[in-house]
């Protein structure tokens, strides 16, 4: 029986059952003392008061012994190895306690009245029920208590020889059997509750560990992403410097007398420089989105001029691949930022041409309810359903494991996704592998249009600026390129490497306009240089900032300065327009 009962629980579960039973025993000490006093007061008139007093003392000592034993183990703690020994100690102590309670009929029934006998039997039944609620978490302990209280009391009832007492003994036995059955159910319920509690603890611990692992992974991913962004920003800045200088010097070279062969070589060099600049500008567009410095200028505009512009820009590229490029006429007016919509459309069309080898593409804008839907169709590779969300992730490309630069950087659709979110528009993708794709941009309709004439500069017919320009840049090749180009535009140009050198030049000959790189040496910025020069020459000094930084923090800082900002590599036409825009005439 010992092995079978102890196998009902083992290890930590048995320890918890013992603790629960021991904690419950403390609540029965005072009620036991009160019942003993009541019994002595009622029965002492008829029974031998000495025997009854001895019985009362034995009950109180037994109960206190059980309580003190449990309290000692609770205060000292209980290991799993010691739990079986504690069970045996409780069996022994509660067996004695049951026997003492069972002795009550021996000291009271011989001389008690009918009312006294009823009180004795009722007290024994109540004590047994109370013991079940306290001891049943550890079933062997309650079995010991109930067995001894029943056997000792039944022997006395049977020895009295009265049929009524004999029947009462049988009823008492059946009552105890029922109590044992109830205690089995109670023990099973307690065991289940303890098991569930431990399972919950284990699940919570597992969840805590998994959460800690996930948090660590998230932290590492954030660090990796920050390192990636920092690397891209540094690499982009370092690459922009020579490409920026290269573009300026190629423009100066184009204004000199060259032979046809030299002009052909110059055109090839210019094309390579422009391709590099396009890739860097793609990185810049992505960085601007990450930095959150894009502020949409929402105005109504006509879609058709934009469709015509994109078609003129890409039709040669499509023809070179033998693709048909078509766009349908539309008279729709939409409400959005024309520049950002143009960038979205340019990326979608470029992406369609890049991944289409046969057939062609169609660009159309049509009304759908109270919205305009700008659609770009192609007959290209198509996109598997599992990849249709992934293609909007940065640097993700399909069918380009060799990272062919002619297929871009994998940022086009990431830029499209970021711009769409910045504008608050909708974008959907429908694609069938090997048959093609269609991207749909949802735009709000407008009722009136604002026509904005684009500022186009033909450098072959630029007017001489005839202004004094102070250029601040810590890169020697950029200073040389700016010097030659600005002089070709009729400017009187001074170049400086640092803020101190720029201030010294300005004291000698105050400039009409300042063009400064944003990042200067010794962790100083072009904003600081412009502020210092304006303090020297006056707050109205026109200024331009040029930056090769793409780090989000640097972009936000430069944007917050309020000084017009150009991004390297700056084309000669951009530089010319920038100067014209800040000069007061």
Protein backbone atom coordinates (compact mmCIF):
# COMPACT_ATOMS: atom_id res chain seq x y z
CA UNK A 1 0.00 0.00 0.00
CA UNK A 2 2.87 2.35 0.82
CA UNK A 3 4.39 2.00 -2.66
CA UNK A 4 1.06 2.38 -4.40
CA UNK A 5 0.04 5.46 -2.44
CA UNK A 6 3.39 7.18 -2.68
CA UNK A 7 3.46 6.58 -6.42
CA UNK A 8 0.42 8.81 -6.73
CA UNK A 9 2.83 11.70 -6.42
CA UNK A 10 6.58 12.03 -6.53
CA UNK A 11 9.24 14.66 -6.38
CA UNK A 12 8.13 18.24 -6.29
CA UNK A 13 4.42 17.34 -6.51
CA UNK A 14 4.63 15.30 -3.29
CA UNK A 15 6.46 18.15 -1.59
CA UNK A 16 3.65 20.56 -2.55
CA UNK A 17 1.00 18.09 -1.29
CA UNK A 18 2.77 17.87 2.05
CA UNK A 19 3.07 21.64 2.35
CA UNK A 20 -0.61 22.09 1.58
CA UNK A 21 -1.62 19.53 4.22
CA UNK A 22 0.74 21.01 6.85
CA UNK A 23 -0.50 24.54 6.24
CA UNK A 24 -4.10 23.36 6.67
CA UNK A 25 -3.40 21.76 10.07
CA UNK A 26 -2.82 25.10 11.72
CA UNK A 27 -6.46 26.11 11.13
CA UNK A 28 -7.76 23.14 13.17
CA UNK A 29 -5.84 23.68 16.42
CA UNK A 30 -8.15 26.26 18.04
CA UNK A 31 -11.41 24.53 16.92
CA UNK A 32 -10.06 21.24 18.37
CA UNK A 33 -9.35 22.88 21.73
CA UNK A 34 -12.85 24.43 21.83
CA UNK A 35 -14.53 21.08 21.01
CA UNK A 36 -12.50 19.30 23.69
CA UNK A 37 -13.52 21.90 26.29
CA UNK A 38 -17.17 21.58 25.21
CA UNK A 39 -17.06 17.79 25.48
CA UNK A 40 -15.51 17.93 28.95
CA UNK A 41 -18.12 20.43 30.12
CA UNK A 42 -21.04 18.33 28.81
CA UNK A 43 -19.82 14.82 29.63
CA UNK A 44 -17.97 15.36 32.90
CA UNK A 45 -21.20 15.07 34.95
CA UNK A 46 -21.76 11.46 33.92
CA UNK A 47 -18.35 10.09 32.90
CA UNK A 48 -15.26 9.57 35.00
CA UNK A 49 -13.86 13.08 35.01
CA UNK A 50 -10.28 11.86 35.48
CA UNK A 51 -10.37 9.60 32.42
CA UNK A 52 -12.15 12.30 30.43
CA UNK A 53 -9.60 14.91 31.45
CA UNK A 54 -6.78 12.58 30.44
CA UNK A 55 -8.44 12.01 27.08
CA UNK A 56 -8.84 15.76 26.57
CA UNK A 57 -5.16 16.33 27.35
CA UNK A 58 -4.16 13.52 24.96
CA UNK A 59 -6.22 15.06 22.12
CA UNK A 60 -4.72 18.51 22.62
CA UNK A 61 -1.16 17.14 22.86
CA UNK A 62 -1.69 15.02 19.74
CA UNK A 63 -3.07 17.94 17.75
CA UNK A 64 -0.29 20.28 18.90
CA UNK A 65 2.30 17.64 18.02
CA UNK A 66 0.96 17.35 14.46
CA UNK A 67 0.84 21.12 14.11
CA UNK A 68 4.36 21.73 15.49
CA UNK A 69 5.80 18.97 13.30
CA UNK A 70 4.26 20.55 10.19
CA UNK A 71 5.34 24.06 11.17
CA UNK A 72 8.95 22.90 11.67
CA UNK A 73 9.12 21.40 8.21
CA UNK A 74 7.46 24.41 6.63
CA UNK A 75 9.93 26.81 8.23
CA UNK A 76 13.01 24.70 7.49
CA UNK A 77 12.03 23.75 3.98
CA UNK A 78 11.60 20.30 2.61
CA UNK A 79 13.63 18.57 -0.09
CA UNK A 80 12.34 16.00 -2.50
CA UNK A 81 14.49 13.26 -0.96
CA UNK A 82 13.09 13.93 2.52
CA UNK A 83 9.44 13.93 1.42
CA UNK A 84 8.83 10.15 1.77
CA UNK A 85 10.22 10.21 5.33
CA UNK A 86 7.95 13.13 6.18
CA UNK A 87 4.97 11.16 4.83
CA UNK A 88 5.78 8.29 7.19
CA UNK A 89 6.13 10.70 10.12
CA UNK A 90 2.72 12.20 9.32
CA UNK A 91 1.19 8.74 9.01
CA UNK A 92 2.51 7.89 12.47
CA UNK A 93 1.43 11.18 14.12
CA UNK A 94 -2.02 11.28 12.53
CA UNK A 95 -2.53 7.57 13.21
CA UNK A 96 -2.00 8.34 16.90
CA UNK A 97 -4.32 11.35 16.59
CA UNK A 98 -6.99 9.15 15.01
CA UNK A 99 -6.61 6.54 17.75
CA UNK A 100 -6.93 9.18 20.46
CA UNK A 101 -10.14 10.51 18.90
CA UNK A 102 -11.40 6.95 18.49
CA UNK A 103 -10.91 6.45 22.25
CA UNK A 104 -13.67 8.98 23.02
CA UNK A 105 -16.43 6.29 23.12
CA UNK A 106 -14.31 4.30 25.59
CA UNK A 107 -14.32 7.13 28.13
CA UNK A 108 -17.82 8.52 27.51
CA UNK A 109 -20.39 6.00 26.24
CA UNK A 110 -20.56 3.70 29.28
CA UNK A 111 -22.09 6.36 31.54
CA UNK A 112 -23.39 9.04 29.17
CA UNK A 113 -27.01 9.86 28.48
CA UNK A 114 -28.65 9.43 25.11
CA UNK A 115 -27.93 13.08 24.32
CA UNK A 116 -24.30 12.58 25.33
CA UNK A 117 -23.98 9.51 23.10
CA UNK A 118 -25.41 11.44 20.14
CA UNK A 119 -22.92 14.23 20.84
CA UNK A 120 -19.99 11.78 20.90
CA UNK A 121 -20.96 10.17 17.58
CA UNK A 122 -21.62 13.57 15.98
CA UNK A 123 -18.23 14.90 17.13
CA UNK A 124 -16.44 11.86 15.73
CA UNK A 125 -18.19 12.27 12.36
CA UNK A 126 -17.33 15.99 12.27
CA UNK A 127 -13.70 15.32 13.19
CA UNK A 128 -13.42 12.72 10.44
CA UNK A 129 -14.91 15.13 7.86
CA UNK A 130 -12.57 17.91 8.98
CA UNK A 131 -9.60 15.54 8.79
CA UNK A 132 -10.54 14.66 5.20
CA UNK A 133 -10.41 18.30 4.11
CA UNK A 134 -7.04 18.79 5.86
CA UNK A 135 -5.24 15.51 5.22
CA UNK A 136 -6.62 14.24 1.90
CA UNK A 137 -3.93 16.07 -0.21
CA UNK A 138 -1.62 13.30 1.10
CA UNK A 139 -3.92 10.28 0.87
CA UNK A 140 -1.88 7.83 3.02
CA UNK A 141 -1.99 10.25 5.94
CA UNK A 142 -5.78 10.54 5.86
CA UNK A 143 -6.07 6.78 5.40
CA UNK A 144 -4.05 6.27 8.58
CA UNK A 145 -6.15 8.77 10.56
CA UNK A 146 -9.49 7.42 9.35
CA UNK A 147 -8.48 3.78 9.86
CA UNK A 148 -7.46 4.26 13.50
CA UNK A 149 -10.38 6.46 14.49
CA UNK A 150 -12.82 3.97 12.91
CA UNK A 151 -11.27 0.80 14.30
CA UNK A 152 -10.86 2.07 17.86
CA UNK A 153 -14.38 3.49 17.99
CA UNK A 154 -16.00 0.44 16.29
CA UNK A 155 -14.44 -1.98 18.78
CA UNK A 156 -16.04 -0.10 21.67
CA UNK A 157 -19.44 0.09 19.95
CA UNK A 158 -19.42 -3.63 19.21
CA UNK A 159 -18.35 -4.52 22.79
CA UNK A 160 -21.34 -2.67 24.22
CA UNK A 161 -23.53 -5.53 22.89
CA UNK A 162 -26.46 -3.23 22.11
CA UNK A 163 -27.97 -3.83 18.62
CA UNK A 164 -28.37 -0.08 18.21
CA UNK A 165 -24.66 0.49 18.86
CA UNK A 166 -23.78 -2.44 16.59
CA UNK A 167 -25.77 -0.83 13.79
CA UNK A 168 -24.09 2.45 14.59
CA UNK A 169 -20.68 0.74 14.28
CA UNK A 170 -21.62 -0.64 10.84
CA UNK A 171 -22.90 2.80 9.79
CA UNK A 172 -19.68 4.36 11.03
CA UNK A 173 -17.65 1.91 8.97
CA UNK A 174 -19.69 2.67 5.85
CA UNK A 175 -19.36 6.40 6.55
CA UNK A 176 -15.59 6.07 6.72
CA UNK A 177 -15.52 4.10 3.45
CA UNK A 178 -17.46 6.93 1.80
CA UNK A 179 -15.08 9.47 3.29
CA UNK A 180 -12.12 7.53 1.90
CA UNK A 181 -13.73 7.58 -1.55
CA UNK A 182 -14.25 11.31 -1.30
CA UNK A 183 -10.68 11.77 -0.15
CA UNK A 184 -9.42 9.89 -3.22
CA UNK A 185 -11.31 12.36 -5.45
CA UNK A 186 -10.01 15.27 -3.43
CA UNK A 187 -6.43 13.98 -3.62
CA UNK A 188 -6.77 13.55 -7.39
CA UNK A 189 -8.11 17.10 -7.75
CA UNK A 190 -5.27 18.49 -5.64
CA UNK A 191 -2.73 16.51 -7.65
CA UNK A 192 -4.18 17.84 -10.92
CA UNK A 193 -4.15 21.40 -9.59
CA UNK A 194 -0.51 21.11 -8.51
CA UNK A 195 0.46 19.55 -11.85
CA UNK A 196 -1.25 22.40 -13.69
CA UNK A 197 0.47 24.96 -11.52
CA UNK A 198 3.88 23.47 -12.29
CA UNK A 199 3.01 23.25 -15.98
CA UNK A 200 2.03 26.92 -15.91
CA UNK A 201 5.27 27.79 -14.15
CA UNK A 202 7.24 25.82 -16.75
CA UNK A 203 5.30 27.45 -19.59
CA UNK A 204 5.89 30.90 -18.10
CA UNK A 205 9.58 30.14 -17.67
CA UNK A 206 9.76 28.82 -21.21
CA UNK A 207 7.91 31.89 -22.44
CA UNK A 208 10.27 34.12 -20.45
CA UNK A 209 13.29 32.40 -21.95
CA UNK A 210 11.84 32.54 -25.47
CA UNK A 211 10.96 36.19 -24.94
CA UNK A 212 14.50 36.87 -23.74
CA UNK A 213 15.88 35.02 -26.78
CA UNK A 214 13.53 36.92 -29.10
CA UNK A 215 14.47 40.20 -27.43
CA UNK A 216 18.15 39.38 -27.81
CA UNK A 217 17.57 38.47 -31.46
CA UNK A 218 15.63 41.69 -31.99
CA UNK A 219 18.41 43.68 -30.33
CA UNK A 220 21.04 41.96 -32.48
CA UNK A 221 18.91 42.55 -35.59
CA UNK A 222 18.55 46.22 -34.69
CA UNK A 223 22.30 46.46 -34.14
CA UNK A 224 22.94 44.72 -37.45
CA UNK A 225 20.47 47.00 -39.20
CA UNK A 226 22.07 50.07 -37.60
CA UNK A 227 25.52 48.81 -38.60
CA UNK A 228 24.25 48.20 -42.12
CA UNK A 229 22.77 51.67 -42.32
CA UNK A 230 25.95 53.19 -40.90
CA UNK A 231 28.09 51.27 -43.38
CA UNK A 232 25.87 52.21 -46.30
CA UNK A 233 25.89 55.85 -45.24
CA UNK A 234 29.69 55.90 -44.88
CA UNK A 235 30.25 54.00 -48.13
CA UNK A 236 27.72 56.16 -49.96
CA UNK A 237 29.35 59.36 -48.68
CA UNK A 238 32.85 58.22 -49.62
CA UNK A 239 31.70 57.16 -53.08
CA UNK A 240 29.77 60.35 -53.70
CA UNK A 241 32.79 62.56 -53.24
CA UNK A 242 34.84 61.35 -56.24
CA UNK A 243 31.76 60.81 -58.43
CA UNK A 244 30.60 64.34 -57.62
CA UNK A 245 34.01 65.74 -58.54
CA UNK A 246 34.13 63.53 -61.63
CA UNK A 247 30.80 64.89 -62.88
CA UNK A 248 31.94 68.49 -62.41
CA UNK A 249 35.24 67.92 -64.18
CA UNK A 250 33.58 66.04 -67.06
CA UNK A 251 31.24 68.99 -67.54
CA UNK A 252 34.20 71.38 -67.60
CA UNK A 253 35.95 69.06 -70.07
CA UNK A 254 32.90 69.03 -72.36
CA UNK A 255 33.19 72.82 -72.76
CA UNK A 256 36.71 72.53 -74.23
CA UNK A 257 37.77 71.84 -77.81
CA UNK A 258 37.75 68.07 -78.33
CA UNK A 259 38.14 65.85 -81.36
CA UNK A 260 35.20 63.59 -82.37
CA UNK A 261 36.99 60.58 -80.93
CA UNK A 262 37.60 62.40 -77.67
CA UNK A 263 33.96 63.46 -77.48
CA UNK A 264 32.90 59.85 -77.98
CA UNK A 265 35.13 58.77 -75.12
CA UNK A 266 33.82 61.65 -73.02
CA UNK A 267 30.24 60.55 -73.71
CA UNK A 268 31.09 57.01 -72.53
CA UNK A 269 32.77 58.37 -69.40
CA UNK A 270 29.78 60.63 -68.73
CA UNK A 271 27.38 57.70 -69.17
CA UNK A 272 29.36 55.61 -66.68
CA UNK A 273 29.41 58.54 -64.25
CA UNK A 274 25.66 59.05 -64.61
CA UNK A 275 25.03 55.32 -64.02
CA UNK A 276 27.04 55.51 -60.80
CA UNK A 277 25.18 58.65 -59.78
CA UNK A 278 21.82 56.95 -60.46
CA UNK A 279 22.72 54.05 -58.17
CA UNK A 280 23.83 56.42 -55.43
CA UNK A 281 20.66 58.48 -55.83
CA UNK A 282 18.66 55.30 -55.38
CA UNK A 283 20.42 54.78 -52.05
CA UNK A 284 19.71 58.39 -51.20
CA UNK A 285 15.99 58.01 -51.93
CA UNK A 286 15.89 54.96 -49.64
CA UNK A 287 17.82 56.81 -46.89
CA UNK A 288 15.48 59.80 -47.10
CA UNK A 289 12.51 57.49 -46.57
CA UNK A 290 14.22 55.80 -43.58
CA UNK A 291 15.10 59.21 -42.13
CA UNK A 292 11.50 60.41 -42.44
CA UNK A 293 12.54 63.70 -44.04
CA UNK A 294 10.20 63.36 -47.01
CA UNK A 295 7.39 65.90 -46.61
CA UNK A 296 4.77 65.41 -49.34
CA UNK A 297 3.57 68.61 -51.05
CA UNK A 298 0.06 67.55 -52.02
CA UNK A 299 -1.45 69.52 -54.92
CA UNK A 300 -3.83 68.71 -57.75
CA UNK A 301 -2.12 67.91 -61.07
CA UNK A 302 -2.83 66.31 -64.42
CA UNK A 303 -1.59 62.79 -64.97
CA UNK A 304 -1.02 62.94 -68.74
CA UNK A 305 2.06 65.22 -68.69
CA UNK A 306 3.64 62.88 -66.16
CA UNK A 307 2.89 59.81 -68.29
CA UNK A 308 4.38 61.56 -71.34
CA UNK A 309 7.53 62.48 -69.41
CA UNK A 310 8.10 58.93 -68.15
CA UNK A 311 7.49 57.49 -71.62
CA UNK A 312 10.02 59.85 -73.21
CA UNK A 313 12.53 58.93 -70.52
CA UNK A 314 12.21 55.13 -70.83
CA UNK A 315 11.14 54.42 -74.42
CA UNK A 316 14.74 54.19 -75.65
CA UNK A 317 15.58 51.77 -72.85
CA UNK A 318 12.57 49.64 -73.80
CA UNK A 319 13.46 49.80 -77.51
CA UNK A 320 17.00 48.64 -76.73
CA UNK A 321 15.54 45.42 -75.28
CA UNK A 322 13.04 45.02 -78.12
CA UNK A 323 10.07 45.77 -75.83
CA UNK A 324 6.87 47.57 -76.68
CA UNK A 325 6.22 50.58 -74.42
CA UNK A 326 2.67 51.93 -74.52
CA UNK A 327 0.73 54.39 -72.40
CA UNK A 328 -2.89 55.40 -72.82
CA UNK A 329 -4.13 58.95 -72.87
CA UNK A 330 -5.98 60.18 -69.79
CA UNK A 331 -7.61 63.43 -68.71
CA UNK A 332 -7.74 62.57 -65.02
CA UNK A 333 -6.71 65.06 -62.32
CA UNK A 334 -5.29 63.62 -59.10
CA UNK A 335 -4.47 65.02 -55.66
CA UNK A 336 -0.95 64.10 -54.57
CA UNK A 337 2.72 65.09 -54.65
CA UNK A 338 3.66 65.11 -58.33
CA UNK A 339 7.37 64.66 -57.60
CA UNK A 340 6.86 61.61 -55.38
CA UNK A 341 4.30 60.07 -57.74
CA UNK A 342 6.83 60.57 -60.54
CA UNK A 343 9.49 58.77 -58.48
CA UNK A 344 7.08 55.90 -57.77
CA UNK A 345 6.15 55.57 -61.43
CA UNK A 346 9.77 55.81 -62.56
CA UNK A 347 10.75 52.95 -60.24
CA UNK A 348 7.81 50.80 -61.34
CA UNK A 349 8.51 51.35 -65.05
CA UNK A 350 12.26 50.81 -64.60
CA UNK A 351 11.55 47.61 -62.68
CA UNK A 352 9.13 46.40 -65.39
CA UNK A 353 11.69 46.95 -68.17
CA UNK A 354 14.48 45.36 -66.13
CA UNK A 355 12.57 42.10 -65.56
CA UNK A 356 10.86 41.83 -68.95
CA UNK A 357 12.65 40.13 -71.86
CA UNK A 358 9.78 39.65 -74.31
CA UNK A 359 6.57 41.51 -75.03
CA UNK A 360 6.36 44.89 -73.39
CA UNK A 361 4.70 47.08 -70.82
CA UNK A 362 1.64 49.25 -70.58
CA UNK A 363 1.12 52.32 -68.36
CA UNK A 364 -2.45 53.48 -67.92
CA UNK A 365 -4.38 55.71 -65.51
CA UNK A 366 -8.12 55.14 -65.27
CA UNK A 367 -11.00 56.08 -62.99
CA UNK A 368 -12.25 53.54 -60.48
CA UNK A 369 -15.13 54.91 -58.42
CA UNK A 370 -13.94 58.04 -56.61
CA UNK A 371 -10.25 57.17 -57.15
CA UNK A 372 -7.75 57.09 -59.97
CA UNK A 373 -5.82 53.87 -60.50
CA UNK A 374 -2.34 54.18 -62.01
CA UNK A 375 -1.39 50.77 -63.44
CA UNK A 376 1.92 49.45 -64.75
CA UNK A 377 1.53 46.16 -66.68
CA UNK A 378 4.39 43.99 -67.93
CA UNK A 379 4.86 40.60 -69.57
CA UNK A 380 7.96 39.77 -67.56
CA UNK A 381 9.10 37.01 -65.26
CA UNK A 382 6.22 37.35 -62.84
CA UNK A 383 6.49 36.84 -59.09
CA UNK A 384 5.67 33.72 -57.08
CA UNK A 385 2.91 34.28 -54.46
CA UNK A 386 5.37 33.56 -51.63
CA UNK A 387 7.69 36.32 -52.91
CA UNK A 388 5.08 39.02 -53.53
CA UNK A 389 5.58 40.58 -50.09
CA UNK A 390 9.33 40.01 -50.05
CA UNK A 391 9.97 41.99 -53.25
CA UNK A 392 9.18 45.19 -51.30
CA UNK A 393 12.00 44.45 -48.85
CA UNK A 394 15.23 46.39 -49.34
CA UNK A 395 18.02 44.74 -51.36
CA UNK A 396 15.75 41.83 -52.29
CA UNK A 397 16.01 40.82 -55.94
CA UNK A 398 14.54 38.01 -57.98
CA UNK A 399 16.65 36.19 -60.54
CA UNK A 400 19.86 38.09 -59.82
CA UNK A 401 22.08 35.82 -57.68
CA UNK A 402 25.18 37.23 -59.36
CA UNK A 403 24.14 40.79 -58.30
CA UNK A 404 24.41 42.17 -61.85
CA UNK A 405 24.57 45.96 -61.40
CA UNK A 406 22.50 46.38 -64.56
CA UNK A 407 19.58 44.95 -62.59
CA UNK A 408 19.86 47.64 -59.93
CA UNK A 409 20.33 47.39 -56.20
CA UNK A 410 17.04 45.81 -55.20
CA UNK A 411 15.78 49.06 -53.69
CA UNK A 412 13.27 50.19 -56.32
CA UNK A 413 10.20 48.52 -54.83
CA UNK A 414 11.35 49.27 -51.26
CA UNK A 415 11.43 52.95 -52.26
CA UNK A 416 8.00 52.62 -53.89
CA UNK A 417 6.60 51.04 -50.72
CA UNK A 418 8.08 53.77 -48.50
CA UNK A 419 6.80 56.59 -50.72
CA UNK A 420 3.32 55.07 -50.91
CA UNK A 421 3.21 54.90 -47.11
CA UNK A 422 4.49 58.48 -46.83
CA UNK A 423 1.71 59.65 -49.18
CA UNK A 424 -0.97 57.52 -47.53
CA UNK A 425 -1.96 55.93 -50.85
CA UNK A 426 -2.70 52.30 -51.65
CA UNK A 427 -0.56 49.94 -53.72
CA UNK A 428 -1.46 46.43 -54.89
CA UNK A 429 0.42 43.76 -56.81
CA UNK A 430 -1.06 41.04 -59.00
CA UNK A 431 1.38 38.65 -60.64
CA UNK A 432 1.47 35.31 -62.42
CA UNK A 433 4.84 33.54 -62.73
CA UNK A 434 6.18 33.53 -66.31
CA UNK A 435 3.28 35.67 -67.52
CA UNK A 436 3.82 39.09 -65.97
CA UNK A 437 2.77 41.49 -63.24
CA UNK A 438 0.62 44.55 -62.70
CA UNK A 439 1.21 47.17 -60.00
CA UNK A 440 -1.74 49.42 -59.15
CA UNK A 441 -1.30 52.73 -57.34
CA UNK A 442 -4.51 54.22 -55.92
CA UNK A 443 -4.66 58.03 -56.09
CA UNK A 444 -7.39 60.42 -54.90
CA UNK A 445 -9.12 62.36 -57.67
CA UNK A 446 -8.98 66.16 -57.83
CA UNK A 447 -11.30 68.67 -59.50
CA UNK A 448 -8.82 71.43 -60.42
CA UNK A 449 -5.21 71.26 -61.50
CA UNK A 450 -2.25 73.51 -60.78
CA UNK A 451 0.20 73.67 -63.64
CA UNK A 452 3.79 74.03 -62.55
CA UNK A 453 6.29 74.64 -65.29
CA UNK A 454 9.45 72.63 -64.67
CA UNK A 455 12.65 74.57 -64.31
CA UNK A 456 14.83 73.26 -67.10
CA UNK A 457 18.32 74.58 -67.61
CA UNK A 458 20.19 74.10 -70.86
CA UNK A 459 23.81 74.52 -69.86
CA UNK A 460 24.74 75.15 -73.44
CA UNK A 461 22.86 78.44 -73.25
CA UNK A 462 23.31 79.42 -69.58
CA UNK A 463 23.65 83.07 -68.75
CA UNK A 464 26.81 84.14 -67.03
CA UNK A 465 26.20 84.47 -63.31
CA UNK A 466 28.86 87.13 -62.61
CA UNK A 467 28.78 86.61 -58.86
CA UNK A 468 31.43 86.02 -56.24
CA UNK A 469 31.11 82.46 -54.89
CA UNK A 470 32.82 81.04 -51.81
CA UNK A 471 33.08 77.23 -51.90
CA UNK A 472 33.84 75.32 -48.69
CA UNK A 473 34.73 71.64 -49.07
CA UNK A 474 37.38 69.45 -47.45
CA UNK A 475 37.86 67.36 -50.61
CA UNK A 476 40.54 68.77 -52.94
CA UNK A 477 39.12 67.22 -56.12
CA UNK A 478 35.66 68.66 -55.40
CA UNK A 479 37.15 72.11 -54.79
CA UNK A 480 39.03 71.90 -58.09
CA UNK A 481 35.93 70.78 -60.00
CA UNK A 482 33.76 73.52 -58.48
CA UNK A 483 36.42 76.15 -59.17
CA UNK A 484 36.71 75.28 -62.88
CA UNK A 485 32.95 74.96 -63.41
CA UNK A 486 32.00 78.18 -61.61
CA UNK A 487 34.67 80.13 -63.43
CA UNK A 488 33.25 78.78 -66.70
CA UNK A 489 29.91 80.30 -65.66
CA UNK A 490 31.50 83.73 -65.22
CA UNK A 491 31.80 83.54 -61.43
CA UNK A 492 34.65 84.84 -59.34
CA UNK A 493 35.32 81.77 -57.21
CA UNK A 494 37.20 81.30 -53.97
CA UNK A 495 37.68 77.89 -52.38
CA UNK A 496 38.32 77.02 -48.73
CA UNK A 497 39.03 73.77 -46.92
CA UNK A 498 37.85 74.83 -43.44
CA UNK A 499 35.60 77.32 -41.69
CA UNK A 500 38.56 79.37 -40.50
CA UNK A 501 39.97 79.62 -44.02
CA UNK A 502 36.53 80.60 -45.36
CA UNK A 503 36.21 83.37 -42.74
CA UNK A 504 39.65 84.69 -43.63
CA UNK A 505 38.75 84.82 -47.35
CA UNK A 506 35.40 86.49 -46.56
CA UNK A 507 37.09 89.21 -44.53
CA UNK A 508 39.28 90.07 -47.52
CA UNK A 509 36.57 89.79 -50.16
CA UNK A 510 32.96 89.29 -49.01
CA UNK A 511 31.16 86.66 -51.17
CA UNK A 512 27.77 87.05 -52.88
CA UNK A 513 26.84 83.41 -52.19
CA UNK A 514 28.28 80.49 -50.21
CA UNK A 515 28.28 76.85 -51.35
CA UNK A 516 29.37 74.56 -48.52
CA UNK A 517 29.71 70.84 -48.03
CA UNK A 518 27.63 69.68 -45.04
CA UNK A 519 30.25 67.47 -43.41
CA UNK A 520 33.55 69.25 -42.79
CA UNK A 521 36.60 68.16 -40.87
CA UNK A 522 36.91 68.03 -37.08
CA UNK A 523 33.23 67.02 -36.78
CA UNK A 524 32.09 70.44 -37.97
CA UNK A 525 29.31 71.14 -40.44
CA UNK A 526 28.47 73.46 -43.29
CA UNK A 527 25.63 74.86 -41.20
CA UNK A 528 28.19 76.13 -38.70
CA UNK A 529 30.20 77.65 -41.56
CA UNK A 530 27.16 79.46 -43.01
CA UNK A 531 26.14 80.80 -39.58
CA UNK A 532 29.68 82.10 -38.96
CA UNK A 533 29.84 83.75 -42.41
CA UNK A 534 26.44 85.38 -41.97
CA UNK A 535 27.55 86.79 -38.61
CA UNK A 536 30.54 88.27 -40.45
CA UNK A 537 28.86 89.56 -43.62
CA UNK A 538 25.19 89.83 -42.75
CA UNK A 539 22.21 87.55 -42.30
CA UNK A 540 21.08 87.98 -45.90
CA UNK A 541 24.07 86.09 -47.34
CA UNK A 542 22.64 83.48 -49.78
CA UNK A 543 23.85 79.93 -49.20
CA UNK A 544 23.61 76.39 -50.50
CA UNK A 545 24.42 73.16 -48.67
CA UNK A 546 25.75 70.13 -50.55
CA UNK A 547 25.92 66.79 -48.79
CA UNK A 548 27.05 63.29 -49.55
CA UNK A 549 25.59 61.97 -46.30
CA UNK A 550 22.74 59.47 -46.42
CA UNK A 551 22.64 58.60 -42.71
CA UNK A 552 19.11 59.30 -41.42
CA UNK A 553 20.34 61.47 -38.51
CA UNK A 554 22.54 63.58 -40.79
CA UNK A 555 19.72 64.03 -43.30
CA UNK A 556 17.36 65.21 -40.56
CA UNK A 557 19.96 67.65 -39.22
CA UNK A 558 20.65 69.10 -42.66
CA UNK A 559 16.93 69.34 -43.42
CA UNK A 560 16.31 71.17 -40.13
CA UNK A 561 18.89 73.86 -40.92
CA UNK A 562 16.55 75.60 -43.37
CA UNK A 563 19.36 76.08 -45.90
CA UNK A 564 18.59 74.73 -49.40
CA UNK A 565 20.15 71.29 -49.69
CA UNK A 566 21.60 69.48 -52.72
CA UNK A 567 22.74 65.87 -52.65
CA UNK A 568 25.99 64.64 -54.11
CA UNK A 569 26.67 63.79 -56.84
CA UNK A 570 25.23 67.16 -57.93
CA UNK A 571 24.86 67.55 -61.68
CA UNK A 572 25.94 70.87 -63.20
CA UNK A 573 22.31 71.68 -64.08
CA UNK A 574 21.25 71.06 -60.44
CA UNK A 575 24.03 73.28 -59.18
CA UNK A 576 23.14 76.04 -61.63
CA UNK A 577 19.45 75.91 -60.68
CA UNK A 578 20.38 75.92 -57.01
CA UNK A 579 22.50 79.03 -57.37
CA UNK A 580 19.83 80.82 -59.41
CA UNK A 581 17.19 79.94 -56.80
CA UNK A 582 19.09 81.48 -53.84
CA UNK A 583 20.47 84.57 -55.56
CA UNK A 584 18.31 87.67 -55.09
CA UNK A 585 18.29 88.53 -58.80
